[in-house]
Amino acid sequence: MRLSSHILLLEVHIPQKIFYFLLWRFLSFDPFATSYISPFLALTWKKTLFFIT
C-alpha cells in the first residue's frame, strides 16, 4: 500500500516539473509573454522556479 502511494506521488510530482519546464520554455520563446503574465505571476515566478530547481 505504501509502495503504490509512493509511486502515485512520483507520477504526480514528475509531470508537474515537466509541465512547468515546458511552460518556462514556451514563455521564454514567446515575444508576447509579458502581455500574458500578470504582475502577481511575475513576482511569484522566481519563487516557483526556485522551488522547482
N, C-alpha and C. Protein backbone atom coordinates (compact mmCIF):
# COMPACT_ATOMS: atom_id res chain seq x y z
N MET A 1 0.83 -1.20 0.00
CA MET A 1 0.00 0.00 0.00
C MET A 1 0.87 1.26 0.00
N ARG A 2 1.92 1.19 0.81
CA ARG A 2 2.81 2.35 0.86
C ARG A 2 3.58 2.53 -0.44
N LEU A 3 3.93 1.41 -1.05
CA LEU A 3 4.68 1.48 -2.30
C LEU A 3 3.82 2.08 -3.42
N SER A 4 2.59 1.70 -3.49
CA SER A 4 1.71 2.22 -4.53
C SER A 4 1.45 3.72 -4.33
N SER A 5 1.31 4.14 -3.08
CA SER A 5 1.10 5.57 -2.83
C SER A 5 2.36 6.36 -3.14
N HIS A 6 3.53 5.74 -2.92
CA HIS A 6 4.79 6.41 -3.24
C HIS A 6 4.95 6.56 -4.75
N ILE A 7 4.58 5.54 -5.50
CA ILE A 7 4.64 5.60 -6.96
C ILE A 7 3.65 6.64 -7.48
N LEU A 8 2.49 6.71 -6.87
CA LEU A 8 1.50 7.70 -7.27
C LEU A 8 2.03 9.11 -7.01
N LEU A 9 2.75 9.29 -5.91
CA LEU A 9 3.33 10.59 -5.60
C LEU A 9 4.35 10.98 -6.66
N LEU A 10 5.14 10.02 -7.11
CA LEU A 10 6.13 10.30 -8.15
C LEU A 10 5.44 10.62 -9.47
N GLU A 11 4.35 9.92 -9.76
CA GLU A 11 3.64 10.16 -11.01
C GLU A 11 3.00 11.55 -11.03
N VAL A 12 2.66 12.06 -9.86
CA VAL A 12 2.08 13.39 -9.81
C VAL A 12 3.19 14.45 -9.79
N HIS A 13 4.29 14.13 -9.12
CA HIS A 13 5.34 15.11 -8.91
C HIS A 13 6.17 15.37 -10.17
N ILE A 14 6.56 14.31 -10.87
CA ILE A 14 7.43 14.46 -12.02
C ILE A 14 6.76 15.18 -13.21
N PRO A 15 5.53 14.81 -13.60
CA PRO A 15 4.89 15.54 -14.70
C PRO A 15 4.67 17.01 -14.36
N GLN A 16 4.54 17.33 -13.07
CA GLN A 16 4.37 18.73 -12.68
C GLN A 16 5.63 19.52 -13.02
N LYS A 17 6.79 18.91 -12.77
CA LYS A 17 8.05 19.58 -13.12
C LYS A 17 8.19 19.70 -14.64
N ILE A 18 7.77 18.67 -15.35
CA ILE A 18 7.83 18.70 -16.81
C ILE A 18 6.90 19.78 -17.35
N PHE A 19 5.73 19.90 -16.75
CA PHE A 19 4.77 20.92 -17.18
C PHE A 19 5.33 22.32 -16.98
N TYR A 20 5.92 22.56 -15.79
CA TYR A 20 6.50 23.88 -15.53
C TYR A 20 7.70 24.16 -16.41
N PHE A 21 8.47 23.11 -16.72
CA PHE A 21 9.62 23.28 -17.61
C PHE A 21 9.16 23.67 -19.02
N LEU A 22 8.14 22.98 -19.51
CA LEU A 22 7.62 23.29 -20.84
C LEU A 22 6.98 24.67 -20.86
N LEU A 23 6.32 25.02 -19.75
CA LEU A 23 5.72 26.34 -19.66
C LEU A 23 6.80 27.42 -19.67
N TRP A 24 7.91 27.14 -18.97
CA TRP A 24 9.03 28.09 -18.93
C TRP A 24 9.66 28.23 -20.32
N ARG A 25 9.81 27.10 -21.03
CA ARG A 25 10.37 27.13 -22.39
C ARG A 25 9.45 27.91 -23.34
N PHE A 26 8.15 27.72 -23.16
CA PHE A 26 7.19 28.41 -24.02
C PHE A 26 7.22 29.92 -23.77
N LEU A 27 7.27 30.29 -22.50
CA LEU A 27 7.27 31.71 -22.17
C LEU A 27 8.59 32.38 -22.54
N SER A 28 9.67 31.63 -22.46
CA SER A 28 10.98 32.21 -22.76
C SER A 28 11.13 32.50 -24.26
N PHE A 29 10.41 31.73 -25.10
CA PHE A 29 10.49 31.93 -26.53
C PHE A 29 9.31 32.73 -27.08
N ASP A 30 8.39 33.12 -26.21
CA ASP A 30 7.22 33.88 -26.66
C ASP A 30 7.51 35.38 -26.52
N PRO A 31 7.59 36.12 -27.62
CA PRO A 31 7.89 37.56 -27.53
C PRO A 31 6.77 38.35 -26.86
N PHE A 32 5.56 37.77 -26.81
CA PHE A 32 4.43 38.46 -26.20
C PHE A 32 4.07 37.88 -24.83
N ALA A 33 5.04 37.19 -24.23
CA ALA A 33 4.75 36.52 -22.97
C ALA A 33 4.43 37.53 -21.86
N THR A 34 5.03 38.71 -21.93
CA THR A 34 4.83 39.69 -20.87
C THR A 34 3.39 40.19 -20.84
N SER A 35 2.69 40.11 -21.98
CA SER A 35 1.30 40.55 -22.02
C SER A 35 0.36 39.51 -21.41
N TYR A 36 0.86 38.26 -21.30
CA TYR A 36 0.03 37.20 -20.73
C TYR A 36 0.23 37.06 -19.22
N ILE A 37 1.38 37.54 -18.74
CA ILE A 37 1.70 37.34 -17.33
C ILE A 37 1.27 38.56 -16.53
N SER A 38 0.49 38.31 -15.49
CA SER A 38 0.08 39.40 -14.61
C SER A 38 1.24 39.76 -13.68
N PRO A 39 1.22 40.95 -13.08
CA PRO A 39 2.30 41.33 -12.16
C PRO A 39 2.44 40.37 -10.98
N PHE A 40 1.33 39.79 -10.54
CA PHE A 40 1.40 38.84 -9.43
C PHE A 40 2.17 37.60 -9.83
N LEU A 41 1.89 37.08 -11.04
CA LEU A 41 2.60 35.90 -11.52
C LEU A 41 4.07 36.23 -11.79
N ALA A 42 4.32 37.45 -12.21
CA ALA A 42 5.70 37.85 -12.46
C ALA A 42 6.50 37.87 -11.16
N LEU A 43 5.84 38.24 -10.06
CA LEU A 43 6.52 38.27 -8.77
C LEU A 43 6.73 36.87 -8.23
N THR A 44 5.77 35.99 -8.44
CA THR A 44 5.84 34.64 -7.88
C THR A 44 6.58 33.67 -8.80
N TRP A 45 6.93 34.12 -10.02
CA TRP A 45 7.57 33.22 -10.98
C TRP A 45 8.96 32.81 -10.50
N LYS A 46 9.73 33.77 -9.95
CA LYS A 46 11.06 33.45 -9.47
C LYS A 46 10.99 32.51 -8.28
N LYS A 47 9.98 32.68 -7.43
CA LYS A 47 9.81 31.79 -6.29
C LYS A 47 9.48 30.38 -6.76
N THR A 48 8.62 30.27 -7.76
CA THR A 48 8.24 28.96 -8.28
C THR A 48 9.42 28.27 -8.94
N LEU A 49 10.17 29.03 -9.71
CA LEU A 49 11.33 28.46 -10.40
C LEU A 49 12.38 28.01 -9.39
N PHE A 50 12.53 28.78 -8.32
CA PHE A 50 13.49 28.41 -7.28
C PHE A 50 13.03 27.16 -6.55
N PHE A 51 11.72 27.03 -6.37
CA PHE A 51 11.19 25.86 -5.67
C PHE A 51 11.34 24.60 -6.50
N ILE A 52 11.21 24.72 -7.82
CA ILE A 52 11.33 23.56 -8.69
C ILE A 52 12.78 23.08 -8.75
N THR A 53 13.71 24.03 -8.91
CA THR A 53 15.12 23.68 -9.04
C THR A 53 15.74 23.55 -7.67
